[in-house]
Amino acid sequence: MSEDLNTSAEKSVRVSALCGSLRRGSYTRMALRIALEGAAEVGAETELIDLSDYELPFCIGDDDQEMPEDVGRLRAQVENCQGLIIGTPEYHGSYSGVLKNAIDLMGFDQFAGKMIGLVGVAGGAMGALSALASLRTVGRAVHAWVIPEQAMVPHAWKVFNDDGTVKDPSFDKRLREVGRQVARFSFLHSSEQAMDFLRLWEGAPVNPGGD
């Protein structure tokens, strides 16, 4: 990325990470912090949204459900970022229940048009492939842009040091790259140059060459 693009990203792009784990010493939280460092390296402002800091009710799918203050706080934080990195442990072949509930308490206002990157950790050798595949489906359902790049950490208990760093540099590289790409795509999606291009494209005359 060029220096000019880094500067522009710093002025206009905020990347947040949503941690779908409540466990103390969570490997998901450690992985997301590294991904956010990647986003910061290319000029984005960053924030960790840790669901352990919120008191969230179960979503019952009722528009009249009374929502506590923390639901509004969560919605505002997600809505106010241009890029979002969603992190989850894999539980029984899917993403965590606390993350599912948090997503269900939000909607198009928070997710539509947003750039999303995915990070998953797992205790087993297969990584979090099923969990991240499910989250890609959710991303499409809420009209978000889920970037192709994703990072999985299998055997997470072997990978992370107590201070949140990783023993294998290849995992550090993968996690940071998710953060970098979320920041880059978020900038491109929100830049005036991209908006100008889309306006010109939509206003272009029909190709006279035929069908």
N, C-alpha and C. Protein backbone atom coordinates (compact mmCIF):
# COMPACT_ATOMS: atom_id res chain seq x y z
N MET A 1 0.85 -1.20 0.00
CA MET A 1 0.00 0.00 0.00
C MET A 1 0.88 1.24 0.00
N SER A 2 0.49 2.25 -0.73
CA SER A 2 1.29 3.47 -0.82
C SER A 2 1.17 4.29 0.44
N GLU A 3 2.12 5.20 0.62
CA GLU A 3 2.09 6.08 1.79
C GLU A 3 0.85 6.96 1.79
N ASP A 4 0.43 7.43 0.58
CA ASP A 4 -0.77 8.28 0.49
C ASP A 4 -2.00 7.53 0.95
N LEU A 5 -2.10 6.26 0.58
CA LEU A 5 -3.26 5.47 0.96
C LEU A 5 -3.26 5.22 2.46
N ASN A 6 -2.09 4.98 3.03
CA ASN A 6 -2.01 4.83 4.48
C ASN A 6 -2.52 6.08 5.18
N THR A 7 -2.09 7.25 4.71
CA THR A 7 -2.49 8.51 5.34
C THR A 7 -4.00 8.70 5.26
N SER A 8 -4.57 8.39 4.09
CA SER A 8 -6.01 8.54 3.93
C SER A 8 -6.77 7.60 4.83
N ALA A 9 -6.26 6.36 4.96
CA ALA A 9 -6.92 5.38 5.82
C ALA A 9 -6.92 5.85 7.26
N GLU A 10 -5.79 6.44 7.66
CA GLU A 10 -5.68 6.91 9.03
C GLU A 10 -6.73 7.97 9.33
N LYS A 11 -7.07 8.79 8.34
CA LYS A 11 -8.02 9.87 8.55
C LYS A 11 -9.47 9.38 8.52
N SER A 12 -9.74 8.26 7.82
CA SER A 12 -11.12 7.96 7.51
C SER A 12 -11.62 6.57 7.88
N VAL A 13 -10.73 5.65 8.25
CA VAL A 13 -11.15 4.27 8.43
C VAL A 13 -10.99 3.82 9.88
N ARG A 14 -12.05 3.23 10.40
CA ARG A 14 -12.01 2.64 11.73
C ARG A 14 -12.29 1.14 11.59
N VAL A 15 -11.42 0.32 12.13
CA VAL A 15 -11.59 -1.13 12.11
C VAL A 15 -11.77 -1.62 13.54
N SER A 16 -12.87 -2.30 13.79
CA SER A 16 -13.14 -2.87 15.10
C SER A 16 -13.08 -4.39 15.01
N ALA A 17 -12.84 -5.04 16.13
CA ALA A 17 -12.84 -6.49 16.20
C ALA A 17 -13.87 -6.93 17.23
N LEU A 18 -14.73 -7.85 16.85
CA LEU A 18 -15.79 -8.36 17.72
C LEU A 18 -15.37 -9.73 18.24
N CYS A 19 -15.14 -9.82 19.54
CA CYS A 19 -14.63 -11.05 20.14
C CYS A 19 -15.79 -11.93 20.61
N GLY A 20 -15.94 -13.09 19.97
CA GLY A 20 -17.02 -14.00 20.30
C GLY A 20 -16.65 -15.03 21.34
N SER A 21 -15.82 -14.65 22.30
CA SER A 21 -15.43 -15.55 23.38
C SER A 21 -15.47 -14.80 24.70
N LEU A 22 -16.02 -15.44 25.73
CA LEU A 22 -16.07 -14.83 27.05
C LEU A 22 -15.00 -15.39 27.99
N ARG A 23 -14.25 -16.35 27.53
CA ARG A 23 -13.32 -17.06 28.40
C ARG A 23 -12.14 -16.18 28.80
N ARG A 24 -11.76 -16.26 30.06
CA ARG A 24 -10.54 -15.58 30.51
C ARG A 24 -9.35 -16.20 29.79
N GLY A 25 -8.42 -15.37 29.40
CA GLY A 25 -7.27 -15.88 28.66
C GLY A 25 -7.64 -16.40 27.29
N SER A 26 -8.69 -15.85 26.70
CA SER A 26 -9.23 -16.33 25.43
C SER A 26 -8.21 -16.24 24.30
N TYR A 27 -8.04 -17.34 23.59
CA TYR A 27 -7.16 -17.32 22.41
C TYR A 27 -7.79 -16.51 21.28
N THR A 28 -9.11 -16.48 21.23
CA THR A 28 -9.79 -15.65 20.23
C THR A 28 -9.43 -14.18 20.43
N ARG A 29 -9.45 -13.74 21.66
CA ARG A 29 -9.11 -12.35 21.98
C ARG A 29 -7.66 -12.06 21.60
N MET A 30 -6.77 -13.00 21.90
CA MET A 30 -5.36 -12.83 21.53
C MET A 30 -5.20 -12.71 20.03
N ALA A 31 -5.90 -13.57 19.28
CA ALA A 31 -5.80 -13.55 17.82
C ALA A 31 -6.31 -12.23 17.25
N LEU A 32 -7.41 -11.73 17.81
CA LEU A 32 -7.98 -10.48 17.31
C LEU A 32 -7.07 -9.30 17.58
N ARG A 33 -6.40 -9.30 18.70
CA ARG A 33 -5.47 -8.19 18.99
C ARG A 33 -4.36 -8.14 17.95
N ILE A 34 -3.89 -9.29 17.51
CA ILE A 34 -2.85 -9.32 16.48
C ILE A 34 -3.42 -8.83 15.15
N ALA A 35 -4.64 -9.26 14.82
CA ALA A 35 -5.27 -8.80 13.58
C ALA A 35 -5.46 -7.29 13.58
N LEU A 36 -5.85 -6.74 14.73
CA LEU A 36 -6.01 -5.29 14.84
C LEU A 36 -4.67 -4.57 14.68
N GLU A 37 -3.60 -5.18 15.14
CA GLU A 37 -2.28 -4.58 14.93
C GLU A 37 -1.99 -4.49 13.43
N GLY A 38 -2.42 -5.49 12.68
CA GLY A 38 -2.24 -5.45 11.23
C GLY A 38 -3.00 -4.29 10.61
N ALA A 39 -4.25 -4.08 11.08
CA ALA A 39 -5.04 -2.96 10.57
C ALA A 39 -4.39 -1.63 10.91
N ALA A 40 -3.86 -1.53 12.12
CA ALA A 40 -3.20 -0.29 12.54
C ALA A 40 -1.94 -0.01 11.72
N GLU A 41 -1.25 -1.06 11.29
CA GLU A 41 -0.03 -0.90 10.51
C GLU A 41 -0.28 -0.18 9.19
N VAL A 42 -1.49 -0.29 8.65
CA VAL A 42 -1.78 0.40 7.39
C VAL A 42 -2.63 1.65 7.62
N GLY A 43 -2.66 2.12 8.87
CA GLY A 43 -3.21 3.43 9.15
C GLY A 43 -4.60 3.50 9.71
N ALA A 44 -5.24 2.37 10.01
CA ALA A 44 -6.60 2.40 10.53
C ALA A 44 -6.61 2.67 12.03
N GLU A 45 -7.66 3.32 12.49
CA GLU A 45 -7.94 3.38 13.92
C GLU A 45 -8.56 2.05 14.31
N THR A 46 -8.24 1.54 15.49
CA THR A 46 -8.71 0.21 15.85
C THR A 46 -9.36 0.20 17.23
N GLU A 47 -10.23 -0.79 17.42
CA GLU A 47 -10.93 -0.95 18.69
C GLU A 47 -11.32 -2.42 18.86
N LEU A 48 -11.14 -2.97 20.05
CA LEU A 48 -11.59 -4.31 20.37
C LEU A 48 -12.95 -4.22 21.07
N ILE A 49 -13.94 -4.89 20.51
CA ILE A 49 -15.26 -4.98 21.13
C ILE A 49 -15.34 -6.35 21.79
N ASP A 50 -15.22 -6.37 23.09
CA ASP A 50 -15.14 -7.61 23.86
C ASP A 50 -16.49 -7.89 24.49
N LEU A 51 -17.16 -8.95 24.05
CA LEU A 51 -18.50 -9.24 24.53
C LEU A 51 -18.56 -9.55 26.03
N SER A 52 -17.42 -9.83 26.62
CA SER A 52 -17.40 -10.05 28.08
C SER A 52 -17.64 -8.75 28.84
N ASP A 53 -17.58 -7.62 28.14
CA ASP A 53 -17.82 -6.32 28.77
C ASP A 53 -19.28 -5.88 28.68
N TYR A 54 -20.14 -6.73 28.13
CA TYR A 54 -21.54 -6.36 27.90
C TYR A 54 -22.48 -7.32 28.63
N GLU A 55 -23.60 -6.77 29.07
CA GLU A 55 -24.70 -7.58 29.60
C GLU A 55 -25.79 -7.60 28.54
N LEU A 56 -25.84 -8.68 27.77
CA LEU A 56 -26.76 -8.76 26.65
C LEU A 56 -27.86 -9.78 26.93
N PRO A 57 -29.11 -9.43 26.66
CA PRO A 57 -30.20 -10.39 26.82
C PRO A 57 -30.22 -11.36 25.66
N PHE A 58 -30.92 -12.47 25.81
CA PHE A 58 -31.13 -13.36 24.68
C PHE A 58 -32.09 -12.69 23.70
N CYS A 59 -31.75 -12.78 22.42
CA CYS A 59 -32.64 -12.25 21.39
C CYS A 59 -33.84 -13.19 21.24
N ILE A 60 -35.05 -12.65 21.32
CA ILE A 60 -36.25 -13.47 21.18
C ILE A 60 -37.01 -13.15 19.89
N GLY A 61 -36.44 -12.28 19.06
CA GLY A 61 -37.05 -11.98 17.77
C GLY A 61 -38.33 -11.18 17.87
N ASP A 62 -38.45 -10.39 18.91
CA ASP A 62 -39.66 -9.59 19.13
C ASP A 62 -39.28 -8.11 19.05
N ASP A 63 -39.91 -7.37 18.14
CA ASP A 63 -39.59 -5.95 17.98
C ASP A 63 -39.90 -5.16 19.25
N ASP A 64 -40.76 -5.69 20.10
CA ASP A 64 -41.13 -4.99 21.33
C ASP A 64 -40.25 -5.39 22.51
N GLN A 65 -39.25 -6.23 22.24
CA GLN A 65 -38.36 -6.64 23.33
C GLN A 65 -37.64 -5.44 23.92
N GLU A 66 -37.67 -5.30 25.22
CA GLU A 66 -36.99 -4.19 25.88
C GLU A 66 -35.49 -4.46 25.91
N MET A 67 -34.73 -3.52 25.40
CA MET A 67 -33.29 -3.70 25.28
C MET A 67 -32.55 -2.84 26.31
N PRO A 68 -31.60 -3.44 27.03
CA PRO A 68 -30.81 -2.66 27.98
C PRO A 68 -29.81 -1.75 27.27
N GLU A 69 -29.19 -0.89 28.03
CA GLU A 69 -28.25 0.09 27.48
C GLU A 69 -27.10 -0.56 26.72
N ASP A 70 -26.64 -1.72 27.18
CA ASP A 70 -25.50 -2.36 26.53
C ASP A 70 -25.80 -2.78 25.10
N VAL A 71 -27.05 -3.07 24.78
CA VAL A 71 -27.39 -3.41 23.40
C VAL A 71 -27.20 -2.19 22.50
N GLY A 72 -27.67 -1.05 22.96
CA GLY A 72 -27.47 0.18 22.19
C GLY A 72 -26.00 0.52 22.05
N ARG A 73 -25.23 0.29 23.11
CA ARG A 73 -23.78 0.56 23.05
C ARG A 73 -23.10 -0.33 22.03
N LEU A 74 -23.46 -1.62 22.03
CA LEU A 74 -22.88 -2.55 21.07
C LEU A 74 -23.25 -2.17 19.64
N ARG A 75 -24.52 -1.88 19.43
CA ARG A 75 -24.97 -1.50 18.08
C ARG A 75 -24.23 -0.27 17.58
N ALA A 76 -24.06 0.71 18.45
CA ALA A 76 -23.39 1.95 18.04
C ALA A 76 -21.94 1.70 17.68
N GLN A 77 -21.25 0.87 18.47
CA GLN A 77 -19.84 0.61 18.19
C GLN A 77 -19.65 -0.11 16.87
N VAL A 78 -20.51 -1.09 16.58
CA VAL A 78 -20.38 -1.81 15.32
C VAL A 78 -20.78 -0.92 14.15
N GLU A 79 -21.82 -0.14 14.34
CA GLU A 79 -22.29 0.74 13.26
C GLU A 79 -21.26 1.81 12.91
N ASN A 80 -20.47 2.24 13.87
CA ASN A 80 -19.56 3.36 13.67
C ASN A 80 -18.20 2.97 13.10
N CYS A 81 -17.99 1.70 12.81
CA CYS A 81 -16.73 1.31 12.17
C CYS A 81 -16.99 0.99 10.71
N GLN A 82 -15.95 1.20 9.88
CA GLN A 82 -16.07 0.87 8.46
C GLN A 82 -15.68 -0.58 8.18
N GLY A 83 -14.83 -1.12 9.03
CA GLY A 83 -14.40 -2.51 8.88
C GLY A 83 -14.56 -3.25 10.20
N LEU A 84 -14.91 -4.53 10.12
CA LEU A 84 -15.13 -5.33 11.33
C LEU A 84 -14.45 -6.68 11.16
N ILE A 85 -13.66 -7.06 12.15
CA ILE A 85 -13.06 -8.39 12.19
C ILE A 85 -13.83 -9.19 13.23
N ILE A 86 -14.44 -10.28 12.82
CA ILE A 86 -15.22 -11.11 13.72
C ILE A 86 -14.38 -12.32 14.09
N GLY A 87 -14.21 -12.54 15.39
CA GLY A 87 -13.41 -13.66 15.86
C GLY A 87 -14.25 -14.61 16.70
N THR A 88 -14.01 -15.91 16.54
CA THR A 88 -14.77 -16.89 17.29
C THR A 88 -13.94 -18.14 17.56
N PRO A 89 -14.19 -18.79 18.68
CA PRO A 89 -13.73 -20.17 18.84
C PRO A 89 -14.70 -21.08 18.10
N GLU A 90 -14.25 -22.27 17.73
CA GLU A 90 -15.18 -23.23 17.13
C GLU A 90 -15.68 -24.18 18.21
N TYR A 91 -16.98 -24.19 18.39
CA TYR A 91 -17.63 -25.08 19.35
C TYR A 91 -18.54 -26.04 18.59
N HIS A 92 -18.27 -27.33 18.67
CA HIS A 92 -19.12 -28.35 18.04
C HIS A 92 -19.42 -28.04 16.58
N GLY A 93 -18.40 -27.62 15.85
CA GLY A 93 -18.53 -27.41 14.42
C GLY A 93 -19.16 -26.11 14.01
N SER A 94 -19.29 -25.14 14.94
CA SER A 94 -19.87 -23.86 14.58
C SER A 94 -19.26 -22.76 15.44
N TYR A 95 -19.74 -21.54 15.24
CA TYR A 95 -19.23 -20.43 16.03
C TYR A 95 -19.97 -20.34 17.35
N SER A 96 -19.48 -19.50 18.25
CA SER A 96 -19.97 -19.51 19.62
C SER A 96 -21.39 -18.97 19.75
N GLY A 97 -22.11 -19.46 20.74
CA GLY A 97 -23.47 -19.01 20.98
C GLY A 97 -23.54 -17.56 21.37
N VAL A 98 -22.57 -17.08 22.13
CA VAL A 98 -22.59 -15.68 22.55
C VAL A 98 -22.42 -14.76 21.36
N LEU A 99 -21.63 -15.18 20.37
CA LEU A 99 -21.47 -14.38 19.16
C LEU A 99 -22.75 -14.40 18.33
N LYS A 100 -23.38 -15.56 18.21
CA LYS A 100 -24.64 -15.66 17.47
C LYS A 100 -25.69 -14.73 18.09
N ASN A 101 -25.79 -14.74 19.41
CA ASN A 101 -26.78 -13.90 20.07
C ASN A 101 -26.49 -12.42 19.84
N ALA A 102 -25.21 -12.04 19.93
CA ALA A 102 -24.84 -10.64 19.72
C ALA A 102 -25.20 -10.19 18.31
N ILE A 103 -24.92 -11.04 17.31
CA ILE A 103 -25.25 -10.70 15.93
C ILE A 103 -26.76 -10.60 15.76
N ASP A 104 -27.51 -11.50 16.40
CA ASP A 104 -28.97 -11.48 16.28
C ASP A 104 -29.59 -10.23 16.90
N LEU A 105 -28.88 -9.61 17.84
CA LEU A 105 -29.38 -8.37 18.45
C LEU A 105 -29.10 -7.15 17.58
N MET A 106 -28.41 -7.37 16.47
CA MET A 106 -28.12 -6.29 15.53
C MET A 106 -28.80 -6.57 14.20
N GLY A 107 -28.52 -5.74 13.20
CA GLY A 107 -29.17 -5.92 11.91
C GLY A 107 -28.49 -5.16 10.79
N PHE A 108 -29.25 -4.84 9.74
CA PHE A 108 -28.68 -4.18 8.57
C PHE A 108 -28.04 -2.84 8.91
N ASP A 109 -28.60 -2.11 9.87
CA ASP A 109 -28.03 -0.81 10.24
C ASP A 109 -26.58 -0.94 10.68
N GLN A 110 -26.26 -2.07 11.29
CA GLN A 110 -24.90 -2.27 11.79
C GLN A 110 -23.98 -2.91 10.74
N PHE A 111 -24.53 -3.77 9.88
CA PHE A 111 -23.68 -4.60 9.04
C PHE A 111 -23.71 -4.29 7.55
N ALA A 112 -24.81 -3.79 7.03
CA ALA A 112 -24.95 -3.65 5.58
C ALA A 112 -23.86 -2.76 4.99
N GLY A 113 -23.18 -3.25 3.98
CA GLY A 113 -22.12 -2.51 3.31
C GLY A 113 -20.79 -2.50 4.02
N LYS A 114 -20.70 -3.15 5.16
CA LYS A 114 -19.47 -3.12 5.95
C LYS A 114 -18.51 -4.21 5.49
N MET A 115 -17.21 -3.89 5.51
CA MET A 115 -16.18 -4.89 5.22
C MET A 115 -15.93 -5.75 6.45
N ILE A 116 -15.96 -7.06 6.26
CA ILE A 116 -15.80 -7.98 7.39
C ILE A 116 -14.69 -8.99 7.10
N GLY A 117 -13.82 -9.18 8.08
CA GLY A 117 -12.82 -10.23 8.03
C GLY A 117 -13.09 -11.24 9.12
N LEU A 118 -12.66 -12.48 8.92
CA LEU A 118 -12.98 -13.56 9.84
C LEU A 118 -11.72 -14.20 10.43
N VAL A 119 -11.79 -14.45 11.74
CA VAL A 119 -10.70 -15.11 12.47
C VAL A 119 -11.31 -16.20 13.34
N GLY A 120 -10.75 -17.39 13.28
CA GLY A 120 -11.27 -18.48 14.11
C GLY A 120 -10.15 -19.25 14.79
N VAL A 121 -10.40 -19.70 16.00
CA VAL A 121 -9.44 -20.53 16.72
C VAL A 121 -10.13 -21.82 17.13
N ALA A 122 -9.33 -22.86 17.28
CA ALA A 122 -9.89 -24.16 17.66
C ALA A 122 -8.85 -24.96 18.41
N GLY A 123 -9.34 -25.88 19.22
CA GLY A 123 -8.43 -26.76 19.95
C GLY A 123 -7.94 -27.91 19.12
N GLY A 124 -8.68 -28.27 18.07
CA GLY A 124 -8.32 -29.40 17.25
C GLY A 124 -7.52 -29.05 16.03
N ALA A 125 -7.16 -30.08 15.26
CA ALA A 125 -6.28 -29.91 14.12
C ALA A 125 -6.97 -29.30 12.91
N MET A 126 -8.30 -29.39 12.84
CA MET A 126 -9.02 -28.91 11.66
C MET A 126 -9.23 -27.40 11.66
N GLY A 127 -8.90 -26.75 12.75
CA GLY A 127 -9.11 -25.31 12.82
C GLY A 127 -10.58 -24.98 12.96
N ALA A 128 -10.96 -23.80 12.54
CA ALA A 128 -12.34 -23.33 12.71
C ALA A 128 -13.03 -23.19 11.36
N LEU A 129 -12.77 -24.11 10.45
CA LEU A 129 -13.27 -24.00 9.09
C LEU A 129 -14.79 -23.95 9.04
N SER A 130 -15.45 -24.83 9.77
CA SER A 130 -16.92 -24.85 9.75
C SER A 130 -17.50 -23.58 10.35
N ALA A 131 -16.89 -23.10 11.43
CA ALA A 131 -17.38 -21.88 12.07
C ALA A 131 -17.28 -20.69 11.13
N LEU A 132 -16.15 -20.57 10.43
CA LEU A 132 -15.97 -19.43 9.54
C LEU A 132 -16.84 -19.55 8.29
N ALA A 133 -17.08 -20.77 7.82
CA ALA A 133 -17.99 -20.94 6.69
C ALA A 133 -19.39 -20.49 7.07
N SER A 134 -19.81 -20.79 8.29
CA SER A 134 -21.13 -20.35 8.76
C SER A 134 -21.20 -18.84 8.87
N LEU A 135 -20.12 -18.22 9.34
CA LEU A 135 -20.11 -16.77 9.46
C LEU A 135 -20.13 -16.08 8.10
N ARG A 136 -19.57 -16.72 7.08
CA ARG A 136 -19.65 -16.14 5.73
C ARG A 136 -21.11 -16.10 5.27
N THR A 137 -21.87 -17.14 5.60
CA THR A 137 -23.28 -17.15 5.26
C THR A 137 -24.02 -16.04 5.99
N VAL A 138 -23.70 -15.84 7.26
CA VAL A 138 -24.31 -14.76 8.03
C VAL A 138 -23.96 -13.41 7.42
N GLY A 139 -22.71 -13.24 7.02
CA GLY A 139 -22.29 -11.98 6.40
C GLY A 139 -23.10 -11.64 5.17
N ARG A 140 -23.35 -12.64 4.33
CA ARG A 140 -24.18 -12.40 3.14
C ARG A 140 -25.60 -12.03 3.54
N ALA A 141 -26.11 -12.70 4.58
CA ALA A 141 -27.49 -12.46 4.99
C ALA A 141 -27.72 -11.05 5.50
N VAL A 142 -26.69 -10.45 6.11
CA VAL A 142 -26.83 -9.09 6.65
C VAL A 142 -26.25 -8.05 5.69
N HIS A 143 -26.00 -8.48 4.43
CA HIS A 143 -25.58 -7.58 3.35
C HIS A 143 -24.22 -6.93 3.60
N ALA A 144 -23.33 -7.68 4.23
CA ALA A 144 -21.96 -7.21 4.43
C ALA A 144 -21.06 -7.77 3.34
N TRP A 145 -19.86 -7.18 3.22
CA TRP A 145 -18.84 -7.68 2.30
C TRP A 145 -17.83 -8.47 3.12
N VAL A 146 -17.82 -9.79 2.97
CA VAL A 146 -16.87 -10.63 3.70
C VAL A 146 -15.66 -10.84 2.80
N ILE A 147 -14.50 -10.39 3.23
CA ILE A 147 -13.30 -10.45 2.39
C ILE A 147 -12.85 -11.90 2.21
N PRO A 148 -12.17 -12.20 1.11
CA PRO A 148 -11.72 -13.58 0.88
C PRO A 148 -10.74 -14.08 1.93
N GLU A 149 -9.85 -13.21 2.38
CA GLU A 149 -8.83 -13.60 3.35
C GLU A 149 -9.46 -13.94 4.69
N GLN A 150 -9.03 -15.03 5.31
CA GLN A 150 -9.43 -15.36 6.67
C GLN A 150 -8.27 -16.06 7.35
N ALA A 151 -8.32 -16.14 8.67
CA ALA A 151 -7.22 -16.77 9.42
C ALA A 151 -7.79 -17.75 10.42
N MET A 152 -7.24 -18.95 10.41
CA MET A 152 -7.62 -19.97 11.38
C MET A 152 -6.40 -20.40 12.17
N VAL A 153 -6.61 -20.65 13.45
CA VAL A 153 -5.53 -21.11 14.32
C VAL A 153 -5.93 -22.45 14.93
N PRO A 154 -5.47 -23.58 14.36
CA PRO A 154 -5.73 -24.88 14.97
C PRO A 154 -4.79 -25.11 16.15
N HIS A 155 -5.18 -26.04 17.02
CA HIS A 155 -4.35 -26.34 18.20
C HIS A 155 -3.90 -25.04 18.88
N ALA A 156 -4.88 -24.17 19.13
CA ALA A 156 -4.56 -22.83 19.63
C ALA A 156 -3.77 -22.88 20.93
N TRP A 157 -4.02 -23.88 21.73
CA TRP A 157 -3.32 -24.00 23.01
C TRP A 157 -1.82 -24.24 22.84
N LYS A 158 -1.41 -24.68 21.64
CA LYS A 158 0.01 -24.87 21.35
C LYS A 158 0.63 -23.63 20.71
N VAL A 159 -0.21 -22.76 20.18
CA VAL A 159 0.28 -21.66 19.32
C VAL A 159 0.60 -20.40 20.10
N PHE A 160 -0.24 -20.07 21.10
CA PHE A 160 -0.12 -18.78 21.77
C PHE A 160 0.75 -18.86 23.03
N ASN A 161 1.55 -17.82 23.22
CA ASN A 161 2.25 -17.63 24.48
C ASN A 161 1.32 -16.95 25.48
N ASP A 162 1.69 -16.96 26.74
CA ASP A 162 0.84 -16.36 27.78
C ASP A 162 0.62 -14.87 27.56
N ASP A 163 1.57 -14.20 26.90
CA ASP A 163 1.46 -12.76 26.68
C ASP A 163 0.66 -12.41 25.42
N GLY A 164 0.07 -13.42 24.75
CA GLY A 164 -0.74 -13.16 23.58
C GLY A 164 0.01 -13.20 22.26
N THR A 165 1.31 -13.35 22.29
CA THR A 165 2.08 -13.51 21.06
C THR A 165 1.99 -14.97 20.60
N VAL A 166 2.43 -15.22 19.37
CA VAL A 166 2.38 -16.58 18.84
C VAL A 166 3.78 -17.13 18.66
N LYS A 167 3.89 -18.45 18.79
CA LYS A 167 5.19 -19.11 18.67
C LYS A 167 5.61 -19.30 17.22
N ASP A 168 4.62 -19.41 16.32
CA ASP A 168 4.90 -19.64 14.91
C ASP A 168 4.64 -18.35 14.15
N PRO A 169 5.67 -17.75 13.55
CA PRO A 169 5.49 -16.48 12.83
C PRO A 169 4.47 -16.55 11.71
N SER A 170 4.21 -17.73 11.15
CA SER A 170 3.26 -17.82 10.05
C SER A 170 1.85 -17.48 10.51
N PHE A 171 1.50 -17.82 11.75
CA PHE A 171 0.19 -17.46 12.27
C PHE A 171 0.09 -15.96 12.50
N ASP A 172 1.15 -15.37 13.00
CA ASP A 172 1.18 -13.92 13.19
C ASP A 172 0.96 -13.22 11.85
N LYS A 173 1.60 -13.71 10.81
CA LYS A 173 1.47 -13.11 9.48
C LYS A 173 0.04 -13.23 8.97
N ARG A 174 -0.59 -14.39 9.13
CA ARG A 174 -1.96 -14.60 8.64
C ARG A 174 -2.94 -13.68 9.36
N LEU A 175 -2.81 -13.58 10.67
CA LEU A 175 -3.72 -12.75 11.44
C LEU A 175 -3.57 -11.28 11.08
N ARG A 176 -2.35 -10.82 10.98
CA ARG A 176 -2.12 -9.42 10.62
C ARG A 176 -2.66 -9.12 9.22
N GLU A 177 -2.53 -10.07 8.30
CA GLU A 177 -2.99 -9.84 6.93
C GLU A 177 -4.50 -9.67 6.87
N VAL A 178 -5.24 -10.39 7.71
CA VAL A 178 -6.68 -10.17 7.76
C VAL A 178 -6.98 -8.73 8.16
N GLY A 179 -6.30 -8.24 9.19
CA GLY A 179 -6.50 -6.86 9.62
C GLY A 179 -6.11 -5.87 8.55
N ARG A 180 -5.00 -6.11 7.88
CA ARG A 180 -4.56 -5.20 6.81
C ARG A 180 -5.59 -5.14 5.69
N GLN A 181 -6.08 -6.31 5.27
CA GLN A 181 -7.01 -6.32 4.15
C GLN A 181 -8.35 -5.69 4.51
N VAL A 182 -8.83 -5.92 5.72
CA VAL A 182 -10.08 -5.27 6.14
C VAL A 182 -9.91 -3.75 6.08
N ALA A 183 -8.78 -3.25 6.57
CA ALA A 183 -8.54 -1.81 6.54
C ALA A 183 -8.43 -1.30 5.11
N ARG A 184 -7.71 -2.00 4.26
CA ARG A 184 -7.53 -1.56 2.88
C ARG A 184 -8.85 -1.55 2.11
N PHE A 185 -9.61 -2.63 2.21
CA PHE A 185 -10.88 -2.69 1.50
C PHE A 185 -11.87 -1.67 2.07
N SER A 186 -11.81 -1.44 3.36
CA SER A 186 -12.70 -0.44 3.97
C SER A 186 -12.39 0.94 3.42
N PHE A 187 -11.12 1.25 3.29
CA PHE A 187 -10.74 2.55 2.74
C PHE A 187 -11.21 2.69 1.29
N LEU A 188 -10.94 1.66 0.50
CA LEU A 188 -11.32 1.73 -0.91
C LEU A 188 -12.83 1.85 -1.07
N HIS A 189 -13.56 1.15 -0.22
CA HIS A 189 -15.02 1.16 -0.31
C HIS A 189 -15.61 2.51 0.07
N SER A 190 -14.92 3.22 0.95
CA SER A 190 -15.45 4.49 1.45
C SER A 190 -14.80 5.71 0.82
N SER A 191 -13.79 5.51 -0.04
CA SER A 191 -13.06 6.64 -0.59
C SER A 191 -13.89 7.37 -1.63
N GLU A 192 -13.64 8.64 -1.79
CA GLU A 192 -14.35 9.45 -2.76
C GLU A 192 -14.05 8.99 -4.19
N GLN A 193 -12.81 8.51 -4.41
CA GLN A 193 -12.47 8.01 -5.74
C GLN A 193 -13.34 6.82 -6.11
N ALA A 194 -13.55 5.91 -5.15
CA ALA A 194 -14.40 4.74 -5.42
C ALA A 194 -15.84 5.17 -5.66
N MET A 195 -16.33 6.14 -4.90
CA MET A 195 -17.69 6.61 -5.09
C MET A 195 -17.85 7.28 -6.45
N ASP A 196 -16.82 8.05 -6.88
CA ASP A 196 -16.87 8.68 -8.20
C ASP A 196 -16.94 7.62 -9.30
N PHE A 197 -16.13 6.56 -9.14
CA PHE A 197 -16.14 5.50 -10.13
C PHE A 197 -17.51 4.84 -10.24
N LEU A 198 -18.12 4.54 -9.09
CA LEU A 198 -19.42 3.90 -9.10
C LEU A 198 -20.49 4.80 -9.73
N ARG A 199 -20.41 6.10 -9.45
CA ARG A 199 -21.38 7.03 -10.05
C ARG A 199 -21.22 7.08 -11.57
N LEU A 200 -19.95 7.10 -12.05
CA LEU A 200 -19.72 7.10 -13.48
C LEU A 200 -20.18 5.80 -14.13
N TRP A 201 -19.93 4.69 -13.45
CA TRP A 201 -20.34 3.39 -13.97
C TRP A 201 -21.86 3.32 -14.12
N GLU A 202 -22.56 3.76 -13.08
CA GLU A 202 -24.02 3.70 -13.11
C GLU A 202 -24.61 4.65 -14.16
N GLY A 203 -23.89 5.73 -14.45
CA GLY A 203 -24.40 6.71 -15.42
C GLY A 203 -23.89 6.52 -16.82
N ALA A 204 -23.10 5.47 -17.06
CA ALA A 204 -22.51 5.24 -18.37
C ALA A 204 -23.60 4.87 -19.38
N PRO A 205 -23.45 5.33 -20.64
CA PRO A 205 -24.46 4.98 -21.67
C PRO A 205 -24.40 3.51 -22.00
N VAL A 206 -25.48 3.00 -22.57
CA VAL A 206 -25.55 1.60 -22.98
C VAL A 206 -24.55 1.35 -24.10
N ASN A 207 -23.87 0.20 -24.06
CA ASN A 207 -22.90 -0.15 -25.09
C ASN A 207 -23.59 -0.21 -26.45
N PRO A 208 -23.17 0.63 -27.41
CA PRO A 208 -23.83 0.63 -28.72
C PRO A 208 -23.48 -0.58 -29.56
N GLY A 209 -22.58 -1.40 -29.10
CA GLY A 209 -22.13 -2.55 -29.89
C GLY A 209 -23.13 -3.69 -29.96
N GLY A 210 -24.22 -3.60 -29.25
CA GLY A 210 -25.22 -4.66 -29.32
C GLY A 210 -25.31 -5.40 -28.02
N ASP A 211 -26.06 -6.50 -28.02
CA ASP A 211 -26.30 -7.29 -26.82
C ASP A 211 -25.03 -7.95 -26.34
